[in-house]
């Protein structure tokens, strides 16, 4: 690969790592569908026990990353600081030098009776789950 004189391989590696992290959105109403956004378009995160919201740099809009409703429809509050846990999870994924694209998702873990940020390889996701 030939690089332009003003571009370093370090910049490409950093861009590749960030671009390969995807975050599952959780709409707050039934008219919208879940989807994935690139982690590098997230410029702000806030949250409470009801949900975690992120600001998108590309649209300046808010997107829900976690809502305090289990897949079965039960209301289960998110733990205090769950939005900070999201940032910590993103930091861990960015430090992982894996070449595989990653998905970060808020998930209710039934057997542990708690919300967690889960990281999975994109190639391991089952399309029928989405």
N, C-alpha and C. Protein backbone atom coordinates (compact mmCIF):
# COMPACT_ATOMS: atom_id res chain seq x y z
N UNK A 1 0.84 -1.17 0.00
CA UNK A 1 0.00 0.00 0.00
C UNK A 1 0.89 1.24 0.00
N UNK A 2 0.61 2.18 -0.85
CA UNK A 2 1.33 3.43 -0.92
C UNK A 2 0.49 4.49 -0.23
N UNK A 3 1.11 5.19 0.72
CA UNK A 3 0.40 6.21 1.48
C UNK A 3 0.75 7.60 1.00
N UNK A 4 -0.20 8.52 1.03
CA UNK A 4 0.13 9.90 0.74
C UNK A 4 1.17 10.40 1.75
N UNK A 5 1.96 11.36 1.36
CA UNK A 5 3.04 11.86 2.20
C UNK A 5 2.53 12.39 3.54
N UNK A 6 1.31 12.90 3.60
CA UNK A 6 0.80 13.48 4.84
C UNK A 6 0.04 12.48 5.71
N UNK A 7 0.07 11.20 5.39
CA UNK A 7 -0.69 10.20 6.13
C UNK A 7 0.24 9.15 6.70
N UNK A 8 0.03 8.79 7.97
CA UNK A 8 0.86 7.76 8.60
C UNK A 8 0.06 6.48 8.74
N UNK A 9 0.76 5.37 8.89
CA UNK A 9 0.06 4.09 9.10
C UNK A 9 -0.63 4.08 10.44
N UNK A 10 -0.10 4.81 11.43
CA UNK A 10 -0.76 4.88 12.73
C UNK A 10 -2.16 5.47 12.63
N UNK A 11 -2.32 6.50 11.80
CA UNK A 11 -3.64 7.11 11.62
C UNK A 11 -4.62 6.12 10.99
N UNK A 12 -4.15 5.34 10.04
CA UNK A 12 -5.01 4.35 9.40
C UNK A 12 -5.42 3.28 10.41
N UNK A 13 -4.48 2.80 11.20
CA UNK A 13 -4.80 1.78 12.20
C UNK A 13 -5.82 2.31 13.19
N UNK A 14 -5.64 3.53 13.68
CA UNK A 14 -6.59 4.10 14.62
C UNK A 14 -7.96 4.22 13.98
N UNK A 15 -8.03 4.73 12.77
CA UNK A 15 -9.31 4.88 12.09
C UNK A 15 -9.97 3.51 11.91
N UNK A 16 -9.19 2.51 11.54
CA UNK A 16 -9.73 1.17 11.32
C UNK A 16 -10.31 0.57 12.57
N UNK A 17 -9.63 0.78 13.69
CA UNK A 17 -10.11 0.22 14.95
C UNK A 17 -11.43 0.88 15.33
N UNK A 18 -11.50 2.20 15.27
CA UNK A 18 -12.73 2.90 15.64
C UNK A 18 -13.86 2.55 14.69
N UNK A 19 -13.60 2.54 13.40
CA UNK A 19 -14.64 2.28 12.42
C UNK A 19 -15.18 0.86 12.52
N UNK A 20 -14.43 -0.04 13.12
CA UNK A 20 -14.85 -1.43 13.24
C UNK A 20 -15.61 -1.72 14.53
N UNK A 21 -15.99 -0.68 15.25
CA UNK A 21 -16.81 -0.85 16.46
C UNK A 21 -18.20 -0.31 16.15
N UNK A 22 -19.20 -1.16 16.32
CA UNK A 22 -20.59 -0.82 16.04
C UNK A 22 -21.38 -0.93 17.34
N UNK A 23 -22.35 -0.05 17.53
CA UNK A 23 -23.17 -0.03 18.75
C UNK A 23 -24.62 -0.24 18.36
N UNK A 24 -25.28 -1.17 19.02
CA UNK A 24 -26.70 -1.45 18.75
C UNK A 24 -27.56 -0.38 19.40
N UNK A 25 -28.47 0.19 18.63
CA UNK A 25 -29.41 1.18 19.17
C UNK A 25 -30.66 0.49 19.67
N UNK A 26 -31.29 1.10 20.65
CA UNK A 26 -32.51 0.57 21.25
C UNK A 26 -33.58 1.65 21.21
N UNK A 27 -34.46 1.62 20.20
CA UNK A 27 -35.47 2.68 20.11
C UNK A 27 -36.39 2.68 21.33
N UNK A 28 -36.86 3.87 21.66
CA UNK A 28 -37.72 4.01 22.84
C UNK A 28 -39.20 3.90 22.51
N UNK A 29 -39.54 3.79 21.23
CA UNK A 29 -40.94 3.57 20.87
C UNK A 29 -41.01 2.46 19.82
N UNK A 30 -42.18 1.86 19.70
CA UNK A 30 -42.33 0.68 18.85
C UNK A 30 -42.31 0.99 17.36
N UNK A 31 -42.38 2.26 16.99
CA UNK A 31 -42.41 2.59 15.56
C UNK A 31 -41.02 2.59 14.92
N UNK A 32 -40.00 2.54 15.72
CA UNK A 32 -38.63 2.55 15.19
C UNK A 32 -38.01 1.17 15.37
N UNK A 33 -37.03 0.89 14.52
CA UNK A 33 -36.33 -0.39 14.59
C UNK A 33 -34.97 -0.22 15.21
N UNK A 34 -34.45 -1.32 15.75
CA UNK A 34 -33.08 -1.31 16.25
C UNK A 34 -32.14 -1.25 15.06
N UNK A 35 -30.96 -0.75 15.30
CA UNK A 35 -29.97 -0.68 14.24
C UNK A 35 -28.59 -0.51 14.85
N UNK A 36 -27.59 -0.50 14.01
CA UNK A 36 -26.22 -0.31 14.48
C UNK A 36 -25.69 1.03 13.97
N UNK A 37 -24.97 1.74 14.83
CA UNK A 37 -24.26 2.94 14.42
C UNK A 37 -22.78 2.74 14.74
N UNK A 38 -21.95 3.41 13.97
CA UNK A 38 -20.51 3.33 14.23
C UNK A 38 -20.19 4.08 15.51
N UNK A 39 -19.32 3.51 16.30
CA UNK A 39 -18.94 4.14 17.57
C UNK A 39 -18.29 5.49 17.36
N UNK A 40 -17.61 5.68 16.24
CA UNK A 40 -16.90 6.94 16.05
C UNK A 40 -17.82 8.11 15.72
N UNK A 41 -19.12 7.91 15.56
CA UNK A 41 -20.04 9.04 15.37
C UNK A 41 -20.67 9.48 16.69
N UNK A 42 -20.35 8.78 17.77
CA UNK A 42 -20.89 9.14 19.09
C UNK A 42 -19.99 10.22 19.70
N UNK A 43 -20.59 11.37 20.02
CA UNK A 43 -19.81 12.47 20.59
C UNK A 43 -20.19 12.81 22.02
N UNK A 44 -21.26 12.23 22.51
CA UNK A 44 -21.67 12.48 23.88
C UNK A 44 -22.56 11.36 24.36
N UNK A 45 -22.52 11.09 25.66
CA UNK A 45 -23.32 10.02 26.26
C UNK A 45 -23.88 10.52 27.58
N UNK A 46 -25.16 10.22 27.82
CA UNK A 46 -25.77 10.53 29.11
C UNK A 46 -26.70 9.38 29.48
N UNK A 47 -27.06 9.32 30.75
CA UNK A 47 -27.95 8.24 31.13
C UNK A 47 -28.47 8.36 32.55
N UNK A 48 -29.49 7.57 32.81
CA UNK A 48 -30.05 7.41 34.14
C UNK A 48 -30.59 5.99 34.23
N UNK A 49 -31.38 5.70 35.24
CA UNK A 49 -31.88 4.33 35.39
C UNK A 49 -32.90 3.95 34.33
N UNK A 50 -33.36 4.92 33.54
CA UNK A 50 -34.34 4.65 32.49
C UNK A 50 -33.75 4.40 31.12
N UNK A 51 -32.51 4.87 30.89
CA UNK A 51 -31.92 4.66 29.58
C UNK A 51 -30.58 5.36 29.41
N UNK A 52 -29.90 5.01 28.32
CA UNK A 52 -28.63 5.64 27.95
C UNK A 52 -28.82 6.25 26.56
N UNK A 53 -28.50 7.53 26.44
CA UNK A 53 -28.63 8.25 25.18
C UNK A 53 -27.25 8.69 24.70
N UNK A 54 -27.11 8.74 23.38
CA UNK A 54 -25.87 9.23 22.78
C UNK A 54 -26.20 10.30 21.75
N UNK A 55 -25.28 11.24 21.58
CA UNK A 55 -25.39 12.27 20.56
C UNK A 55 -24.59 11.80 19.36
N UNK A 56 -25.20 11.85 18.17
CA UNK A 56 -24.52 11.48 16.92
C UNK A 56 -23.90 12.71 16.28
N UNK A 57 -22.64 12.62 15.91
CA UNK A 57 -21.97 13.75 15.28
C UNK A 57 -22.46 13.98 13.85
N UNK A 58 -22.93 12.94 13.19
CA UNK A 58 -23.35 13.08 11.80
C UNK A 58 -24.73 13.73 11.64
N UNK A 59 -25.61 13.58 12.63
CA UNK A 59 -26.95 14.15 12.54
C UNK A 59 -27.26 15.13 13.67
N UNK A 60 -26.42 15.16 14.70
CA UNK A 60 -26.64 15.94 15.91
C UNK A 60 -27.89 15.47 16.66
N UNK A 61 -28.41 14.32 16.28
CA UNK A 61 -29.60 13.77 16.93
C UNK A 61 -29.23 12.86 18.08
N UNK A 62 -30.22 12.59 18.92
CA UNK A 62 -30.05 11.65 20.02
C UNK A 62 -30.46 10.26 19.58
N UNK A 63 -29.76 9.27 20.07
CA UNK A 63 -30.11 7.89 19.79
C UNK A 63 -30.02 7.12 21.11
N UNK A 64 -30.97 6.22 21.32
CA UNK A 64 -31.01 5.41 22.54
C UNK A 64 -30.10 4.19 22.38
N UNK A 65 -29.19 4.01 23.32
CA UNK A 65 -28.31 2.84 23.31
C UNK A 65 -28.78 1.76 24.27
N UNK A 66 -29.56 2.16 25.26
CA UNK A 66 -30.09 1.20 26.23
C UNK A 66 -31.39 1.75 26.79
N UNK A 67 -32.36 0.89 26.94
CA UNK A 67 -33.64 1.25 27.54
C UNK A 67 -33.93 0.23 28.64
N UNK A 68 -34.52 0.67 29.72
CA UNK A 68 -34.73 -0.18 30.89
C UNK A 68 -35.92 -1.11 30.73
N UNK A 69 -35.97 -1.80 29.58
CA UNK A 69 -37.03 -2.76 29.31
C UNK A 69 -36.37 -4.03 28.79
N UNK A 70 -36.65 -5.16 29.44
CA UNK A 70 -36.07 -6.43 29.03
C UNK A 70 -36.71 -6.92 27.73
N UNK A 71 -36.08 -7.88 27.05
CA UNK A 71 -36.69 -8.41 25.83
C UNK A 71 -38.11 -8.93 26.05
N UNK A 72 -38.43 -9.35 27.26
CA UNK A 72 -39.77 -9.82 27.58
C UNK A 72 -40.75 -8.71 27.87
N UNK A 73 -40.28 -7.46 27.86
CA UNK A 73 -41.15 -6.31 28.08
C UNK A 73 -41.24 -5.84 29.51
N UNK A 74 -40.50 -6.45 30.42
CA UNK A 74 -40.53 -6.02 31.82
C UNK A 74 -39.61 -4.83 32.03
N UNK A 75 -40.04 -3.92 32.89
CA UNK A 75 -39.21 -2.77 33.23
C UNK A 75 -38.19 -3.18 34.28
N UNK A 76 -36.94 -3.05 33.94
CA UNK A 76 -35.84 -3.33 34.87
C UNK A 76 -34.90 -2.14 34.80
N UNK A 77 -34.80 -1.35 35.87
CA UNK A 77 -33.96 -0.16 35.81
C UNK A 77 -32.50 -0.49 35.52
N UNK A 78 -31.89 0.41 34.77
CA UNK A 78 -30.45 0.28 34.51
C UNK A 78 -29.70 0.66 35.78
N UNK A 79 -28.53 0.08 35.98
CA UNK A 79 -27.76 0.46 37.17
C UNK A 79 -27.25 1.90 37.07
N UNK A 80 -27.04 2.52 38.20
CA UNK A 80 -26.47 3.87 38.22
C UNK A 80 -25.13 3.84 37.50
N UNK A 81 -24.88 4.84 36.68
CA UNK A 81 -23.60 4.92 35.97
C UNK A 81 -23.47 3.98 34.79
N UNK A 82 -24.58 3.44 34.29
CA UNK A 82 -24.50 2.49 33.17
C UNK A 82 -23.92 3.16 31.93
N UNK A 83 -24.14 4.46 31.78
CA UNK A 83 -23.55 5.20 30.65
C UNK A 83 -22.03 5.28 30.78
N UNK A 84 -21.53 5.35 32.01
CA UNK A 84 -20.07 5.34 32.23
C UNK A 84 -19.52 3.96 31.91
N UNK A 85 -20.26 2.92 32.27
CA UNK A 85 -19.85 1.56 31.92
C UNK A 85 -19.74 1.39 30.41
N UNK A 86 -20.64 2.06 29.66
CA UNK A 86 -20.58 2.02 28.20
C UNK A 86 -19.25 2.60 27.72
N UNK A 87 -18.87 3.76 28.25
CA UNK A 87 -17.60 4.38 27.86
C UNK A 87 -16.42 3.49 28.20
N UNK A 88 -16.47 2.84 29.36
CA UNK A 88 -15.40 1.93 29.75
C UNK A 88 -15.33 0.73 28.81
N UNK A 89 -16.49 0.23 28.41
CA UNK A 89 -16.53 -0.90 27.47
C UNK A 89 -15.95 -0.49 26.12
N UNK A 90 -16.32 0.69 25.62
CA UNK A 90 -15.75 1.18 24.36
C UNK A 90 -14.24 1.30 24.45
N UNK A 91 -13.76 1.81 25.58
CA UNK A 91 -12.32 1.96 25.77
C UNK A 91 -11.62 0.60 25.71
N UNK A 92 -12.22 -0.41 26.35
CA UNK A 92 -11.64 -1.76 26.33
C UNK A 92 -11.59 -2.31 24.91
N UNK A 93 -12.67 -2.12 24.15
CA UNK A 93 -12.72 -2.63 22.78
C UNK A 93 -11.68 -1.92 21.91
N UNK A 94 -11.54 -0.62 22.10
CA UNK A 94 -10.54 0.13 21.32
C UNK A 94 -9.13 -0.32 21.62
N UNK A 95 -8.87 -0.71 22.86
CA UNK A 95 -7.53 -1.18 23.24
C UNK A 95 -7.24 -2.59 22.71
N UNK A 96 -8.30 -3.34 22.46
CA UNK A 96 -8.15 -4.69 21.89
C UNK A 96 -7.71 -4.52 20.45
N UNK A 97 -6.62 -5.13 20.09
CA UNK A 97 -6.07 -4.95 18.74
C UNK A 97 -6.60 -5.99 17.75
N UNK A 98 -7.75 -6.55 18.03
CA UNK A 98 -8.34 -7.55 17.16
C UNK A 98 -8.66 -6.95 15.79
N UNK A 99 -8.48 -7.74 14.77
CA UNK A 99 -8.81 -7.30 13.41
C UNK A 99 -10.30 -7.49 13.10
N UNK A 100 -11.02 -8.16 14.00
CA UNK A 100 -12.44 -8.44 13.76
C UNK A 100 -13.31 -7.26 14.18
N UNK A 101 -14.33 -6.98 13.40
CA UNK A 101 -15.29 -5.93 13.74
C UNK A 101 -16.07 -6.38 14.98
N UNK A 102 -16.39 -5.43 15.84
CA UNK A 102 -17.06 -5.72 17.11
C UNK A 102 -18.41 -5.02 17.18
N UNK A 103 -19.33 -5.63 17.93
CA UNK A 103 -20.63 -5.04 18.22
C UNK A 103 -20.75 -4.88 19.73
N UNK A 104 -21.18 -3.70 20.17
CA UNK A 104 -21.39 -3.43 21.59
C UNK A 104 -22.89 -3.27 21.79
N UNK A 105 -23.44 -4.01 22.76
CA UNK A 105 -24.88 -4.03 22.96
C UNK A 105 -25.23 -4.05 24.44
N UNK A 106 -26.28 -3.31 24.82
CA UNK A 106 -26.82 -3.43 26.17
C UNK A 106 -27.68 -4.69 26.19
N UNK A 107 -27.47 -5.51 27.20
CA UNK A 107 -28.22 -6.77 27.25
C UNK A 107 -28.63 -7.08 28.68
N UNK A 108 -29.87 -7.53 28.83
CA UNK A 108 -30.36 -8.03 30.11
C UNK A 108 -29.90 -9.48 30.23
N UNK A 109 -29.10 -9.78 31.24
CA UNK A 109 -28.57 -11.13 31.43
C UNK A 109 -29.43 -11.79 32.51
N UNK A 110 -30.31 -12.67 32.07
CA UNK A 110 -31.32 -13.26 32.94
C UNK A 110 -30.70 -14.01 34.11
N UNK A 111 -29.73 -14.89 33.83
CA UNK A 111 -29.19 -15.72 34.91
C UNK A 111 -28.40 -14.91 35.94
N UNK A 112 -27.99 -13.69 35.60
CA UNK A 112 -27.30 -12.83 36.56
C UNK A 112 -28.21 -11.71 37.07
N UNK A 113 -29.43 -11.63 36.49
CA UNK A 113 -30.42 -10.64 36.89
C UNK A 113 -29.86 -9.22 36.88
N UNK A 114 -29.17 -8.89 35.75
CA UNK A 114 -28.58 -7.55 35.64
C UNK A 114 -28.36 -7.15 34.19
N UNK A 115 -28.24 -5.85 33.99
CA UNK A 115 -27.89 -5.29 32.68
C UNK A 115 -26.39 -5.31 32.53
N UNK A 116 -25.92 -5.60 31.31
CA UNK A 116 -24.49 -5.58 31.02
C UNK A 116 -24.28 -5.03 29.62
N UNK A 117 -23.09 -4.45 29.38
CA UNK A 117 -22.66 -4.12 28.03
C UNK A 117 -21.92 -5.33 27.53
N UNK A 118 -22.37 -5.89 26.43
CA UNK A 118 -21.82 -7.11 25.87
C UNK A 118 -21.10 -6.77 24.57
N UNK A 119 -19.94 -7.38 24.37
CA UNK A 119 -19.17 -7.18 23.14
C UNK A 119 -19.09 -8.52 22.42
N UNK A 120 -19.46 -8.52 21.14
CA UNK A 120 -19.39 -9.72 20.32
C UNK A 120 -18.75 -9.40 18.98
N UNK A 121 -18.11 -10.40 18.40
CA UNK A 121 -17.60 -10.25 17.04
C UNK A 121 -18.79 -10.17 16.10
N UNK A 122 -18.75 -9.24 15.16
CA UNK A 122 -19.84 -9.10 14.19
C UNK A 122 -20.09 -10.42 13.46
N UNK A 123 -19.03 -11.13 13.12
CA UNK A 123 -19.19 -12.38 12.37
C UNK A 123 -19.92 -13.45 13.17
N UNK A 124 -19.99 -13.32 14.50
CA UNK A 124 -20.67 -14.31 15.33
C UNK A 124 -22.13 -13.98 15.59
N UNK A 125 -22.60 -12.82 15.15
CA UNK A 125 -24.00 -12.43 15.39
C UNK A 125 -24.93 -13.26 14.53
N UNK A 126 -26.07 -13.62 15.09
CA UNK A 126 -27.10 -14.34 14.33
C UNK A 126 -28.08 -13.32 13.79
N UNK A 127 -28.15 -13.13 12.48
CA UNK A 127 -29.07 -12.13 11.91
C UNK A 127 -30.51 -12.28 12.38
N UNK A 128 -30.94 -13.50 12.66
CA UNK A 128 -32.32 -13.72 13.10
C UNK A 128 -32.60 -13.11 14.48
N UNK A 129 -31.54 -12.77 15.23
CA UNK A 129 -31.73 -12.15 16.54
C UNK A 129 -32.03 -10.66 16.46
N UNK A 130 -31.93 -10.11 15.25
CA UNK A 130 -32.11 -8.68 15.07
C UNK A 130 -33.25 -8.43 14.14
